[in-house]
Amino acid sequence: MAIRLSRIYTRTGDKGNTALVGGRRVPKDSARLEAYGTTDELNSIIGIVRTYLTQYRDGFGADFEPYAETLRRIQNELFDLGSELATPPDGEYPQMHKMGAGEIKRLEEEMDAMEKELEPLKSFTLPGGGVLNAFLHQARTVCRRAERECWRLKREEDINDNLIIYVNRLSDHLFVQSRWVAQRLGEPEFLWDRALRIEADKKTARAAKSKPGRGGVKS
């Protein structure tokens, strides 16, 4: 389908509503708008990851091009997904692209391949440790919000089940990416350490109790 954008501003949304595919106008804070707007936000963060990625080409070695292509593909899939969300049932048209089982399966296969290179987790991870890791975690959390917005929309209107499944798998994919990127670049993973802190406090308490008191007698 040919796309031609001759003018970006239209003034048609100045009253707080906008047009969906098919022409129906809805409030800008409607569930459908929140769903595809959050998807657009997610796409922007993945764009940041792609932008920074070129600075780490040497660290990825032979994996750089395949990983860069994976991010490019996901951005395009998210754009397709946003277009589908912007199309209500009464606006659907012949040959319209819809998210399907194939895109979901590819995400699952990529996760399986990355996880084979990773050590099992012994604690929950915290965002950070490296620039790409931090942005991937941000993308993951926005992806979870996008999934919630899609479910909110589904309570009001019928939407493609595969679309929601794709968003769910993508959030998992972004998490695995964050770990795989840290491993490939030799960067640390920040781990949730409540259990470690509790154990450290116990050791400190035991050490304090074992210290000799006055007169050389343990207190």
N, C-alpha and C. Protein backbone atom coordinates (compact mmCIF):
# COMPACT_ATOMS: atom_id res chain seq x y z
N MET A 1 0.84 -1.19 0.00
CA MET A 1 0.00 0.00 0.00
C MET A 1 0.88 1.24 0.00
N ALA A 2 0.67 2.12 -0.94
CA ALA A 2 1.46 3.34 -1.02
C ALA A 2 1.05 4.31 0.08
N ILE A 3 2.04 4.96 0.69
CA ILE A 3 1.78 5.92 1.76
C ILE A 3 2.35 7.26 1.34
N ARG A 4 1.54 8.30 1.45
CA ARG A 4 1.99 9.64 1.07
C ARG A 4 1.55 10.61 2.16
N LEU A 5 2.52 11.22 2.85
CA LEU A 5 2.23 12.18 3.91
C LEU A 5 2.61 13.57 3.41
N SER A 6 1.62 14.33 3.01
CA SER A 6 1.90 15.64 2.44
C SER A 6 1.92 16.74 3.49
N ARG A 7 1.19 16.52 4.61
CA ARG A 7 1.18 17.51 5.68
C ARG A 7 0.96 16.79 7.00
N ILE A 8 1.78 17.10 8.02
CA ILE A 8 1.72 16.38 9.28
C ILE A 8 0.58 16.89 10.16
N TYR A 9 0.45 18.19 10.29
CA TYR A 9 -0.64 18.70 11.14
C TYR A 9 -1.91 18.83 10.32
N THR A 10 -3.05 18.50 10.96
CA THR A 10 -4.33 18.50 10.25
C THR A 10 -5.38 19.38 10.93
N ARG A 11 -5.16 19.71 12.21
CA ARG A 11 -6.10 20.49 13.03
C ARG A 11 -7.40 19.73 13.34
N THR A 12 -7.52 18.50 12.83
CA THR A 12 -8.78 17.77 13.04
C THR A 12 -8.90 17.19 14.44
N GLY A 13 -7.80 17.16 15.18
CA GLY A 13 -7.86 16.59 16.53
C GLY A 13 -7.87 17.62 17.63
N ASP A 14 -8.09 18.88 17.29
CA ASP A 14 -8.01 19.96 18.28
C ASP A 14 -9.15 19.94 19.29
N LYS A 15 -10.17 19.18 19.05
CA LYS A 15 -11.31 19.09 19.97
C LYS A 15 -11.26 17.84 20.86
N GLY A 16 -10.10 17.15 20.85
CA GLY A 16 -9.95 16.01 21.75
C GLY A 16 -10.38 14.68 21.20
N ASN A 17 -10.57 14.59 19.90
CA ASN A 17 -10.88 13.29 19.31
C ASN A 17 -10.04 13.10 18.05
N THR A 18 -9.99 11.86 17.58
CA THR A 18 -9.18 11.54 16.41
C THR A 18 -9.84 10.44 15.61
N ALA A 19 -9.39 10.25 14.39
CA ALA A 19 -10.00 9.26 13.50
C ALA A 19 -9.24 7.95 13.54
N LEU A 20 -9.97 6.86 13.61
CA LEU A 20 -9.40 5.53 13.46
C LEU A 20 -9.38 5.17 11.98
N VAL A 21 -8.72 4.07 11.66
CA VAL A 21 -8.78 3.56 10.29
C VAL A 21 -10.24 3.25 9.97
N GLY A 22 -10.73 3.75 8.87
CA GLY A 22 -12.13 3.59 8.51
C GLY A 22 -12.93 4.87 8.70
N GLY A 23 -12.33 5.83 9.45
CA GLY A 23 -12.97 7.14 9.57
C GLY A 23 -13.70 7.42 10.86
N ARG A 24 -14.00 6.39 11.66
CA ARG A 24 -14.73 6.62 12.91
C ARG A 24 -13.89 7.46 13.86
N ARG A 25 -14.49 8.47 14.48
CA ARG A 25 -13.78 9.34 15.39
C ARG A 25 -14.07 8.93 16.83
N VAL A 26 -13.00 8.93 17.65
CA VAL A 26 -13.10 8.52 19.05
C VAL A 26 -12.31 9.49 19.91
N PRO A 27 -12.60 9.56 21.22
CA PRO A 27 -11.81 10.41 22.12
C PRO A 27 -10.35 9.98 22.14
N LYS A 28 -9.47 10.95 22.32
CA LYS A 28 -8.04 10.64 22.31
C LYS A 28 -7.59 9.84 23.53
N ASP A 29 -8.43 9.79 24.58
CA ASP A 29 -8.08 8.99 25.74
C ASP A 29 -8.89 7.69 25.80
N SER A 30 -9.41 7.25 24.67
CA SER A 30 -10.17 5.99 24.62
C SER A 30 -9.22 4.80 24.79
N ALA A 31 -9.79 3.65 25.11
CA ALA A 31 -8.98 2.45 25.33
C ALA A 31 -8.17 2.08 24.09
N ARG A 32 -8.76 2.24 22.93
CA ARG A 32 -8.04 1.89 21.69
C ARG A 32 -6.84 2.81 21.47
N LEU A 33 -7.03 4.09 21.74
CA LEU A 33 -5.92 5.04 21.59
C LEU A 33 -4.82 4.76 22.61
N GLU A 34 -5.20 4.44 23.84
CA GLU A 34 -4.20 4.12 24.86
C GLU A 34 -3.40 2.89 24.47
N ALA A 35 -4.07 1.91 23.86
CA ALA A 35 -3.39 0.68 23.47
C ALA A 35 -2.36 0.93 22.39
N TYR A 36 -2.76 1.61 21.30
CA TYR A 36 -1.77 1.77 20.24
C TYR A 36 -0.79 2.91 20.55
N GLY A 37 -1.18 3.85 21.43
CA GLY A 37 -0.23 4.87 21.86
C GLY A 37 0.89 4.28 22.71
N THR A 38 0.54 3.33 23.58
CA THR A 38 1.54 2.66 24.41
C THR A 38 2.45 1.79 23.55
N THR A 39 1.88 1.18 22.52
CA THR A 39 2.69 0.40 21.57
C THR A 39 3.69 1.31 20.86
N ASP A 40 3.27 2.50 20.51
CA ASP A 40 4.16 3.46 19.87
C ASP A 40 5.28 3.88 20.83
N GLU A 41 4.94 4.07 22.10
CA GLU A 41 5.96 4.40 23.12
C GLU A 41 6.99 3.28 23.22
N LEU A 42 6.52 2.04 23.23
CA LEU A 42 7.43 0.89 23.27
C LEU A 42 8.35 0.88 22.07
N ASN A 43 7.79 1.15 20.90
CA ASN A 43 8.59 1.16 19.67
C ASN A 43 9.69 2.21 19.76
N SER A 44 9.38 3.35 20.37
CA SER A 44 10.38 4.42 20.49
C SER A 44 11.56 3.99 21.36
N ILE A 45 11.27 3.23 22.43
CA ILE A 45 12.37 2.79 23.31
C ILE A 45 13.24 1.77 22.60
N ILE A 46 12.62 0.87 21.84
CA ILE A 46 13.43 -0.08 21.07
C ILE A 46 14.27 0.66 20.04
N GLY A 47 13.74 1.77 19.52
CA GLY A 47 14.53 2.61 18.62
C GLY A 47 15.77 3.16 19.31
N ILE A 48 15.65 3.49 20.60
CA ILE A 48 16.82 3.95 21.36
C ILE A 48 17.84 2.83 21.47
N VAL A 49 17.37 1.62 21.76
CA VAL A 49 18.28 0.47 21.84
C VAL A 49 19.03 0.28 20.52
N ARG A 50 18.31 0.36 19.41
CA ARG A 50 18.95 0.21 18.09
C ARG A 50 19.97 1.31 17.85
N THR A 51 19.68 2.51 18.31
CA THR A 51 20.60 3.63 18.10
C THR A 51 21.90 3.44 18.87
N TYR A 52 21.79 3.01 20.13
CA TYR A 52 22.98 2.79 20.94
C TYR A 52 23.74 1.52 20.52
N LEU A 53 23.03 0.59 19.91
CA LEU A 53 23.62 -0.71 19.59
C LEU A 53 24.89 -0.58 18.77
N THR A 54 24.95 0.38 17.86
CA THR A 54 26.11 0.51 16.98
C THR A 54 27.40 0.78 17.76
N GLN A 55 27.28 1.31 18.98
CA GLN A 55 28.46 1.59 19.80
C GLN A 55 29.05 0.31 20.39
N TYR A 56 28.32 -0.80 20.29
CA TYR A 56 28.76 -2.06 20.92
C TYR A 56 29.00 -3.14 19.87
N ARG A 57 29.24 -2.74 18.64
CA ARG A 57 29.44 -3.70 17.55
C ARG A 57 30.53 -4.71 17.88
N ASP A 58 31.68 -4.25 18.38
CA ASP A 58 32.79 -5.16 18.66
C ASP A 58 32.43 -6.15 19.76
N GLY A 59 31.67 -5.70 20.75
CA GLY A 59 31.30 -6.60 21.85
C GLY A 59 30.41 -7.74 21.40
N PHE A 60 29.57 -7.50 20.40
CA PHE A 60 28.67 -8.55 19.91
C PHE A 60 29.34 -9.46 18.90
N GLY A 61 30.40 -8.99 18.26
CA GLY A 61 31.09 -9.81 17.28
C GLY A 61 30.16 -10.24 16.15
N ALA A 62 30.17 -11.55 15.86
CA ALA A 62 29.38 -12.08 14.75
C ALA A 62 27.88 -12.00 15.02
N ASP A 63 27.49 -11.78 16.28
CA ASP A 63 26.07 -11.70 16.62
C ASP A 63 25.48 -10.32 16.37
N PHE A 64 26.33 -9.34 16.02
CA PHE A 64 25.83 -7.97 15.89
C PHE A 64 24.75 -7.86 14.81
N GLU A 65 25.04 -8.29 13.61
CA GLU A 65 24.09 -8.13 12.51
C GLU A 65 22.79 -8.89 12.76
N PRO A 66 22.84 -10.17 13.20
CA PRO A 66 21.57 -10.86 13.47
C PRO A 66 20.75 -10.18 14.56
N TYR A 67 21.43 -9.67 15.61
CA TYR A 67 20.68 -9.02 16.68
C TYR A 67 20.10 -7.69 16.20
N ALA A 68 20.87 -6.93 15.44
CA ALA A 68 20.37 -5.67 14.89
C ALA A 68 19.16 -5.93 14.00
N GLU A 69 19.19 -7.01 13.24
CA GLU A 69 18.07 -7.35 12.37
C GLU A 69 16.84 -7.75 13.19
N THR A 70 17.06 -8.44 14.31
CA THR A 70 15.95 -8.81 15.19
C THR A 70 15.25 -7.57 15.72
N LEU A 71 16.01 -6.58 16.17
CA LEU A 71 15.42 -5.34 16.67
C LEU A 71 14.67 -4.60 15.55
N ARG A 72 15.26 -4.58 14.36
CA ARG A 72 14.60 -3.92 13.22
C ARG A 72 13.26 -4.59 12.93
N ARG A 73 13.27 -5.93 12.93
CA ARG A 73 12.03 -6.65 12.65
C ARG A 73 10.97 -6.38 13.70
N ILE A 74 11.37 -6.38 14.97
CA ILE A 74 10.42 -6.15 16.06
C ILE A 74 9.82 -4.76 15.94
N GLN A 75 10.63 -3.76 15.59
CA GLN A 75 10.08 -2.42 15.42
C GLN A 75 9.01 -2.40 14.32
N ASN A 76 9.28 -3.07 13.24
CA ASN A 76 8.31 -3.11 12.14
C ASN A 76 7.06 -3.89 12.54
N GLU A 77 7.23 -4.98 13.29
CA GLU A 77 6.08 -5.74 13.76
C GLU A 77 5.22 -4.89 14.71
N LEU A 78 5.87 -4.09 15.56
CA LEU A 78 5.13 -3.22 16.46
C LEU A 78 4.36 -2.15 15.69
N PHE A 79 4.94 -1.67 14.61
CA PHE A 79 4.22 -0.70 13.78
C PHE A 79 2.98 -1.34 13.16
N ASP A 80 3.14 -2.59 12.68
CA ASP A 80 2.00 -3.33 12.15
C ASP A 80 0.94 -3.55 13.23
N LEU A 81 1.41 -3.88 14.43
CA LEU A 81 0.51 -4.13 15.54
C LEU A 81 -0.26 -2.86 15.90
N GLY A 82 0.43 -1.71 15.91
CA GLY A 82 -0.23 -0.45 16.18
C GLY A 82 -1.28 -0.13 15.13
N SER A 83 -0.97 -0.43 13.89
CA SER A 83 -1.94 -0.22 12.81
C SER A 83 -3.17 -1.09 12.99
N GLU A 84 -2.95 -2.33 13.43
CA GLU A 84 -4.09 -3.22 13.67
C GLU A 84 -4.94 -2.69 14.82
N LEU A 85 -4.30 -2.19 15.88
CA LEU A 85 -5.05 -1.63 17.00
C LEU A 85 -5.82 -0.37 16.60
N ALA A 86 -5.30 0.34 15.62
CA ALA A 86 -5.98 1.57 15.16
C ALA A 86 -7.12 1.27 14.20
N THR A 87 -7.36 -0.02 13.94
CA THR A 87 -8.40 -0.41 12.99
C THR A 87 -9.51 -1.16 13.72
N PRO A 88 -10.63 -0.53 13.99
CA PRO A 88 -11.74 -1.23 14.64
C PRO A 88 -12.37 -2.23 13.68
N PRO A 89 -13.19 -3.15 14.21
CA PRO A 89 -13.81 -4.15 13.33
C PRO A 89 -14.54 -3.56 12.13
N ASP A 90 -15.20 -2.41 12.31
CA ASP A 90 -15.93 -1.84 11.18
C ASP A 90 -15.03 -1.09 10.20
N GLY A 91 -13.71 -1.04 10.50
CA GLY A 91 -12.79 -0.37 9.60
C GLY A 91 -11.85 -1.33 8.89
N GLU A 92 -12.01 -2.63 9.14
CA GLU A 92 -11.12 -3.62 8.52
C GLU A 92 -11.32 -3.65 7.01
N TYR A 93 -10.25 -3.98 6.29
CA TYR A 93 -10.25 -3.94 4.84
C TYR A 93 -9.56 -5.18 4.28
N PRO A 94 -9.79 -5.52 3.00
CA PRO A 94 -9.18 -6.72 2.40
C PRO A 94 -7.66 -6.66 2.47
N GLN A 95 -7.04 -7.81 2.68
CA GLN A 95 -5.59 -7.97 2.76
C GLN A 95 -4.97 -7.21 3.95
N MET A 96 -5.80 -6.82 4.91
CA MET A 96 -5.27 -6.16 6.11
C MET A 96 -4.38 -7.13 6.87
N HIS A 97 -3.19 -6.65 7.30
CA HIS A 97 -2.29 -7.50 8.06
C HIS A 97 -2.77 -7.63 9.49
N LYS A 98 -2.74 -8.88 10.00
CA LYS A 98 -3.06 -9.14 11.40
C LYS A 98 -1.96 -9.99 12.02
N MET A 99 -1.65 -9.70 13.27
CA MET A 99 -0.63 -10.48 13.96
C MET A 99 -1.08 -11.93 14.04
N GLY A 100 -0.14 -12.85 13.75
CA GLY A 100 -0.50 -14.26 13.70
C GLY A 100 0.42 -15.13 14.53
N ALA A 101 0.18 -16.43 14.44
CA ALA A 101 0.95 -17.40 15.22
C ALA A 101 2.41 -17.44 14.79
N GLY A 102 2.70 -17.10 13.53
CA GLY A 102 4.08 -17.15 13.04
C GLY A 102 4.98 -16.18 13.76
N GLU A 103 4.51 -14.95 13.97
CA GLU A 103 5.32 -13.95 14.68
C GLU A 103 5.56 -14.38 16.13
N ILE A 104 4.54 -14.97 16.74
CA ILE A 104 4.67 -15.43 18.13
C ILE A 104 5.70 -16.55 18.22
N LYS A 105 5.61 -17.51 17.30
CA LYS A 105 6.53 -18.66 17.30
C LYS A 105 7.97 -18.20 17.13
N ARG A 106 8.19 -17.20 16.28
CA ARG A 106 9.56 -16.72 16.06
C ARG A 106 10.12 -16.11 17.34
N LEU A 107 9.32 -15.35 18.08
CA LEU A 107 9.79 -14.80 19.35
C LEU A 107 10.16 -15.92 20.32
N GLU A 108 9.34 -16.95 20.38
CA GLU A 108 9.60 -18.07 21.29
C GLU A 108 10.88 -18.80 20.91
N GLU A 109 11.09 -19.02 19.62
CA GLU A 109 12.30 -19.69 19.16
C GLU A 109 13.55 -18.86 19.47
N GLU A 110 13.45 -17.55 19.31
CA GLU A 110 14.59 -16.68 19.62
C GLU A 110 14.88 -16.69 21.11
N MET A 111 13.84 -16.69 21.93
CA MET A 111 14.06 -16.77 23.38
C MET A 111 14.76 -18.07 23.75
N ASP A 112 14.30 -19.18 23.18
CA ASP A 112 14.92 -20.48 23.48
C ASP A 112 16.39 -20.47 23.11
N ALA A 113 16.73 -19.88 21.97
CA ALA A 113 18.13 -19.85 21.53
C ALA A 113 18.99 -19.00 22.47
N MET A 114 18.47 -17.83 22.88
CA MET A 114 19.24 -16.97 23.78
C MET A 114 19.43 -17.61 25.15
N GLU A 115 18.38 -18.27 25.65
CA GLU A 115 18.45 -18.85 26.99
C GLU A 115 19.44 -19.99 27.08
N LYS A 116 19.71 -20.65 25.96
CA LYS A 116 20.71 -21.73 25.97
C LYS A 116 22.10 -21.21 26.32
N GLU A 117 22.33 -19.92 26.10
CA GLU A 117 23.64 -19.32 26.38
C GLU A 117 23.72 -18.71 27.78
N LEU A 118 22.62 -18.76 28.54
CA LEU A 118 22.56 -18.05 29.82
C LEU A 118 22.57 -19.02 31.00
N GLU A 119 23.16 -18.57 32.11
CA GLU A 119 23.10 -19.31 33.35
C GLU A 119 21.71 -19.16 33.96
N PRO A 120 21.21 -20.20 34.63
CA PRO A 120 19.90 -20.07 35.28
C PRO A 120 19.92 -18.96 36.32
N LEU A 121 18.81 -18.27 36.45
CA LEU A 121 18.71 -17.19 37.43
C LEU A 121 18.60 -17.75 38.84
N LYS A 122 19.31 -17.12 39.79
CA LYS A 122 19.22 -17.50 41.21
C LYS A 122 18.55 -16.41 42.02
N SER A 123 18.20 -15.32 41.36
CA SER A 123 17.48 -14.22 42.00
C SER A 123 16.80 -13.42 40.91
N PHE A 124 15.88 -12.55 41.29
CA PHE A 124 15.29 -11.65 40.32
C PHE A 124 16.33 -10.61 39.91
N THR A 125 16.22 -10.13 38.68
CA THR A 125 17.16 -9.11 38.21
C THR A 125 16.55 -7.73 38.34
N LEU A 126 17.42 -6.74 38.51
CA LEU A 126 17.02 -5.34 38.55
C LEU A 126 17.50 -4.66 37.27
N PRO A 127 16.78 -3.67 36.78
CA PRO A 127 17.22 -2.96 35.58
C PRO A 127 18.58 -2.31 35.79
N GLY A 128 19.43 -2.38 34.80
CA GLY A 128 20.73 -1.71 34.86
C GLY A 128 21.88 -2.68 34.68
N GLY A 129 23.08 -2.15 34.81
CA GLY A 129 24.29 -2.92 34.59
C GLY A 129 24.97 -2.50 33.30
N GLY A 130 24.19 -1.95 32.39
CA GLY A 130 24.70 -1.44 31.12
C GLY A 130 23.61 -0.63 30.44
N VAL A 131 23.98 0.18 29.49
CA VAL A 131 23.03 1.06 28.82
C VAL A 131 21.95 0.27 28.09
N LEU A 132 22.35 -0.71 27.28
CA LEU A 132 21.37 -1.49 26.53
C LEU A 132 20.46 -2.27 27.47
N ASN A 133 21.06 -2.86 28.51
CA ASN A 133 20.28 -3.61 29.49
C ASN A 133 19.21 -2.73 30.12
N ALA A 134 19.58 -1.51 30.51
CA ALA A 134 18.64 -0.61 31.17
C ALA A 134 17.49 -0.24 30.24
N PHE A 135 17.80 0.08 28.99
CA PHE A 135 16.74 0.45 28.05
C PHE A 135 15.86 -0.74 27.69
N LEU A 136 16.45 -1.94 27.64
CA LEU A 136 15.65 -3.13 27.36
C LEU A 136 14.67 -3.41 28.50
N HIS A 137 15.10 -3.16 29.73
CA HIS A 137 14.19 -3.31 30.86
C HIS A 137 13.09 -2.27 30.81
N GLN A 138 13.43 -1.05 30.42
CA GLN A 138 12.39 -0.04 30.27
C GLN A 138 11.38 -0.46 29.20
N ALA A 139 11.90 -0.99 28.09
CA ALA A 139 11.02 -1.48 27.03
C ALA A 139 10.13 -2.60 27.55
N ARG A 140 10.70 -3.48 28.36
CA ARG A 140 9.93 -4.60 28.92
C ARG A 140 8.76 -4.09 29.76
N THR A 141 9.01 -3.10 30.61
CA THR A 141 7.94 -2.62 31.48
C THR A 141 6.85 -1.89 30.68
N VAL A 142 7.25 -1.14 29.65
CA VAL A 142 6.26 -0.49 28.81
C VAL A 142 5.47 -1.53 28.01
N CYS A 143 6.14 -2.62 27.63
CA CYS A 143 5.46 -3.70 26.92
C CYS A 143 4.40 -4.34 27.81
N ARG A 144 4.71 -4.51 29.08
CA ARG A 144 3.72 -5.04 30.02
C ARG A 144 2.52 -4.09 30.12
N ARG A 145 2.79 -2.79 30.13
CA ARG A 145 1.70 -1.82 30.19
C ARG A 145 0.86 -1.90 28.91
N ALA A 146 1.54 -2.07 27.77
CA ALA A 146 0.81 -2.21 26.51
C ALA A 146 -0.12 -3.42 26.56
N GLU A 147 0.37 -4.52 27.15
CA GLU A 147 -0.47 -5.71 27.27
C GLU A 147 -1.69 -5.41 28.14
N ARG A 148 -1.50 -4.69 29.25
CA ARG A 148 -2.64 -4.35 30.10
C ARG A 148 -3.65 -3.49 29.35
N GLU A 149 -3.13 -2.54 28.56
CA GLU A 149 -4.03 -1.67 27.79
C GLU A 149 -4.80 -2.47 26.75
N CYS A 150 -4.15 -3.47 26.16
CA CYS A 150 -4.84 -4.32 25.18
C CYS A 150 -5.96 -5.12 25.84
N TRP A 151 -5.68 -5.62 27.05
CA TRP A 151 -6.73 -6.35 27.76
C TRP A 151 -7.88 -5.43 28.14
N ARG A 152 -7.56 -4.19 28.51
CA ARG A 152 -8.62 -3.23 28.83
C ARG A 152 -9.49 -2.99 27.59
N LEU A 153 -8.84 -2.85 26.44
CA LEU A 153 -9.58 -2.66 25.19
C LEU A 153 -10.45 -3.87 24.88
N LYS A 154 -9.90 -5.06 25.12
CA LYS A 154 -10.65 -6.29 24.79
C LYS A 154 -11.91 -6.42 25.64
N ARG A 155 -11.93 -5.79 26.81
CA ARG A 155 -13.15 -5.80 27.62
C ARG A 155 -14.26 -5.00 26.93
N GLU A 156 -13.87 -4.07 26.06
CA GLU A 156 -14.85 -3.19 25.40
C GLU A 156 -15.15 -3.61 23.96
N GLU A 157 -14.13 -4.08 23.25
CA GLU A 157 -14.29 -4.44 21.85
C GLU A 157 -13.52 -5.72 21.55
N ASP A 158 -13.92 -6.40 20.52
CA ASP A 158 -13.22 -7.62 20.13
C ASP A 158 -11.93 -7.26 19.40
N ILE A 159 -10.81 -7.81 19.86
CA ILE A 159 -9.54 -7.65 19.15
C ILE A 159 -8.87 -9.00 18.99
N ASN A 160 -7.94 -9.07 18.10
CA ASN A 160 -7.23 -10.29 17.73
C ASN A 160 -6.50 -10.89 18.94
N ASP A 161 -6.82 -12.14 19.30
CA ASP A 161 -6.15 -12.79 20.43
C ASP A 161 -4.65 -12.90 20.21
N ASN A 162 -4.24 -13.20 18.97
CA ASN A 162 -2.81 -13.33 18.68
C ASN A 162 -2.05 -12.04 18.94
N LEU A 163 -2.72 -10.92 18.78
CA LEU A 163 -2.10 -9.62 19.04
C LEU A 163 -1.69 -9.52 20.51
N ILE A 164 -2.58 -9.90 21.42
CA ILE A 164 -2.27 -9.82 22.85
C ILE A 164 -1.21 -10.85 23.21
N ILE A 165 -1.30 -12.04 22.64
CA ILE A 165 -0.29 -13.06 22.92
C ILE A 165 1.08 -12.58 22.46
N TYR A 166 1.15 -11.95 21.29
CA TYR A 166 2.41 -11.42 20.79
C TYR A 166 3.01 -10.42 21.77
N VAL A 167 2.20 -9.51 22.29
CA VAL A 167 2.70 -8.50 23.22
C VAL A 167 3.22 -9.16 24.50
N ASN A 168 2.51 -10.17 24.96
CA ASN A 168 2.97 -10.91 26.14
C ASN A 168 4.31 -11.58 25.90
N ARG A 169 4.45 -12.26 24.77
CA ARG A 169 5.71 -12.93 24.46
C ARG A 169 6.84 -11.92 24.26
N LEU A 170 6.51 -10.77 23.69
CA LEU A 170 7.54 -9.77 23.46
C LEU A 170 8.10 -9.25 24.78
N SER A 171 7.26 -9.09 25.79
CA SER A 171 7.78 -8.64 27.08
C SER A 171 8.77 -9.65 27.65
N ASP A 172 8.46 -10.94 27.51
CA ASP A 172 9.41 -11.99 27.93
C ASP A 172 10.67 -11.94 27.08
N HIS A 173 10.50 -11.73 25.80
CA HIS A 173 11.63 -11.65 24.86
C HIS A 173 12.56 -10.52 25.26
N LEU A 174 12.02 -9.39 25.62
CA LEU A 174 12.84 -8.24 26.01
C LEU A 174 13.60 -8.52 27.30
N PHE A 175 12.98 -9.26 28.21
CA PHE A 175 13.68 -9.64 29.44
C PHE A 175 14.87 -10.54 29.13
N VAL A 176 14.61 -11.56 28.30
CA VAL A 176 15.71 -12.47 27.93
C VAL A 176 16.78 -11.70 27.17
N GLN A 177 16.38 -10.80 26.28
CA GLN A 177 17.35 -9.95 25.58
C GLN A 177 18.26 -9.21 26.57
N SER A 178 17.66 -8.64 27.62
CA SER A 178 18.45 -7.86 28.58
C SER A 178 19.54 -8.72 29.20
N ARG A 179 19.22 -9.96 29.52
CA ARG A 179 20.20 -10.87 30.12
C ARG A 179 21.25 -11.30 29.08
N TRP A 180 20.77 -11.60 27.88
CA TRP A 180 21.68 -12.06 26.81
C TRP A 180 22.65 -10.95 26.43
N VAL A 181 22.15 -9.73 26.33
CA VAL A 181 23.02 -8.58 26.01
C VAL A 181 24.09 -8.41 27.08
N ALA A 182 23.70 -8.48 28.35
CA ALA A 182 24.67 -8.35 29.44
C ALA A 182 25.74 -9.43 29.34
N GLN A 183 25.31 -10.65 29.02
CA GLN A 183 26.26 -11.76 28.90
C GLN A 183 27.21 -11.56 27.72
N ARG A 184 26.67 -11.14 26.59
CA ARG A 184 27.49 -10.95 25.40
C ARG A 184 28.51 -9.83 25.59
N LEU A 185 28.12 -8.78 26.31
CA LEU A 185 29.00 -7.62 26.51
C LEU A 185 29.86 -7.73 27.77
N GLY A 186 29.71 -8.80 28.53
CA GLY A 186 30.49 -8.97 29.75
C GLY A 186 30.13 -7.95 30.82
N GLU A 187 28.87 -7.53 30.84
CA GLU A 187 28.43 -6.53 31.81
C GLU A 187 27.73 -7.21 32.99
N PRO A 188 27.75 -6.58 34.15
CA PRO A 188 27.12 -7.21 35.32
C PRO A 188 25.60 -7.17 35.23
N GLU A 189 24.97 -8.12 35.89
CA GLU A 189 23.53 -8.07 36.07
C GLU A 189 23.27 -7.65 37.51
N PHE A 190 22.42 -6.66 37.70
CA PHE A 190 22.04 -6.25 39.05
C PHE A 190 20.98 -7.23 39.55
N LEU A 191 21.25 -7.84 40.71
CA LEU A 191 20.32 -8.83 41.26
C LEU A 191 19.60 -8.28 42.48
N TRP A 192 18.36 -8.68 42.64
CA TRP A 192 17.57 -8.33 43.81
C TRP A 192 18.20 -9.02 45.01
N ASP A 193 18.54 -8.25 46.04
CA ASP A 193 19.38 -8.81 47.10
C ASP A 193 18.71 -8.82 48.47
N ARG A 194 17.38 -8.83 48.55
CA ARG A 194 16.76 -8.84 49.88
C ARG A 194 17.22 -10.04 50.68
N ALA A 195 17.23 -11.22 50.06
CA ALA A 195 17.69 -12.42 50.77
C ALA A 195 19.15 -12.27 51.20
N LEU A 196 19.96 -11.66 50.34
CA LEU A 196 21.37 -11.46 50.68
C LEU A 196 21.50 -10.50 51.85
N ARG A 197 20.66 -9.45 51.86
CA ARG A 197 20.74 -8.47 52.95
C ARG A 197 20.28 -9.08 54.26
N ILE A 198 19.24 -9.91 54.21
CA ILE A 198 18.75 -10.56 55.43
C ILE A 198 19.82 -11.46 56.01
N GLU A 199 20.48 -12.23 55.13
CA GLU A 199 21.54 -13.12 55.59
C GLU A 199 22.71 -12.33 56.17
N ALA A 200 23.04 -11.20 55.55
CA ALA A 200 24.13 -10.36 56.06
C ALA A 200 23.78 -9.81 57.44
N ASP A 201 22.53 -9.41 57.63
CA ASP A 201 22.10 -8.90 58.94
C ASP A 201 22.20 -9.98 60.00
N LYS A 202 21.84 -11.22 59.64
CA LYS A 202 21.93 -12.34 60.59
C LYS A 202 23.38 -12.58 61.00
N LYS A 203 24.29 -12.52 60.02
CA LYS A 203 25.70 -12.73 60.32
C LYS A 203 26.22 -11.64 61.24
N THR A 204 25.80 -10.41 60.98
CA THR A 204 26.22 -9.30 61.83
C THR A 204 25.72 -9.49 63.25
N ALA A 205 24.47 -9.92 63.38
CA ALA A 205 23.90 -10.14 64.71
C ALA A 205 24.62 -11.27 65.45
N ARG A 206 24.94 -12.36 64.72
CA ARG A 206 25.64 -13.48 65.34
C ARG A 206 27.03 -13.05 65.79
N ALA A 207 27.69 -12.24 64.95
CA ALA A 207 29.03 -11.77 65.29
C ALA A 207 29.00 -10.90 66.54
N ALA A 208 27.97 -10.07 66.66
CA ALA A 208 27.85 -9.17 67.81
C ALA A 208 27.63 -9.97 69.08
N LYS A 209 26.84 -11.04 68.99
CA LYS A 209 26.56 -11.85 70.17
C LYS A 209 27.79 -12.62 70.64
N SER A 210 28.67 -12.96 69.68
CA SER A 210 29.84 -13.78 70.02
C SER A 210 31.02 -12.97 70.55
N LYS A 211 30.91 -11.62 70.52
CA LYS A 211 32.02 -10.80 71.00
C LYS A 211 32.13 -10.92 72.52
N PRO A 212 33.36 -11.02 73.08
CA PRO A 212 33.53 -11.11 74.54
C PRO A 212 32.98 -9.86 75.22
N GLY A 213 32.31 -10.08 76.38
CA GLY A 213 31.83 -8.94 77.15
C GLY A 213 32.87 -8.54 78.19
N ARG A 214 32.46 -7.78 79.15
CA ARG A 214 33.40 -7.34 80.20
C ARG A 214 33.89 -8.54 80.98
N GLY A 215 35.13 -8.51 81.34
CA GLY A 215 35.74 -9.58 82.10
C GLY A 215 36.05 -10.80 81.27
N GLY A 216 36.03 -10.63 79.94
CA GLY A 216 36.41 -11.72 79.06
C GLY A 216 35.34 -12.76 78.89
N VAL A 217 34.12 -12.51 79.41
CA VAL A 217 33.03 -13.45 79.28
C VAL A 217 32.15 -13.04 78.09
N LYS A 218 31.77 -14.02 77.27
CA LYS A 218 30.93 -13.69 76.13
C LYS A 218 29.59 -13.17 76.61
N SER A 219 29.14 -12.14 75.95
CA SER A 219 27.85 -11.55 76.33
C SER A 219 26.71 -12.34 75.72
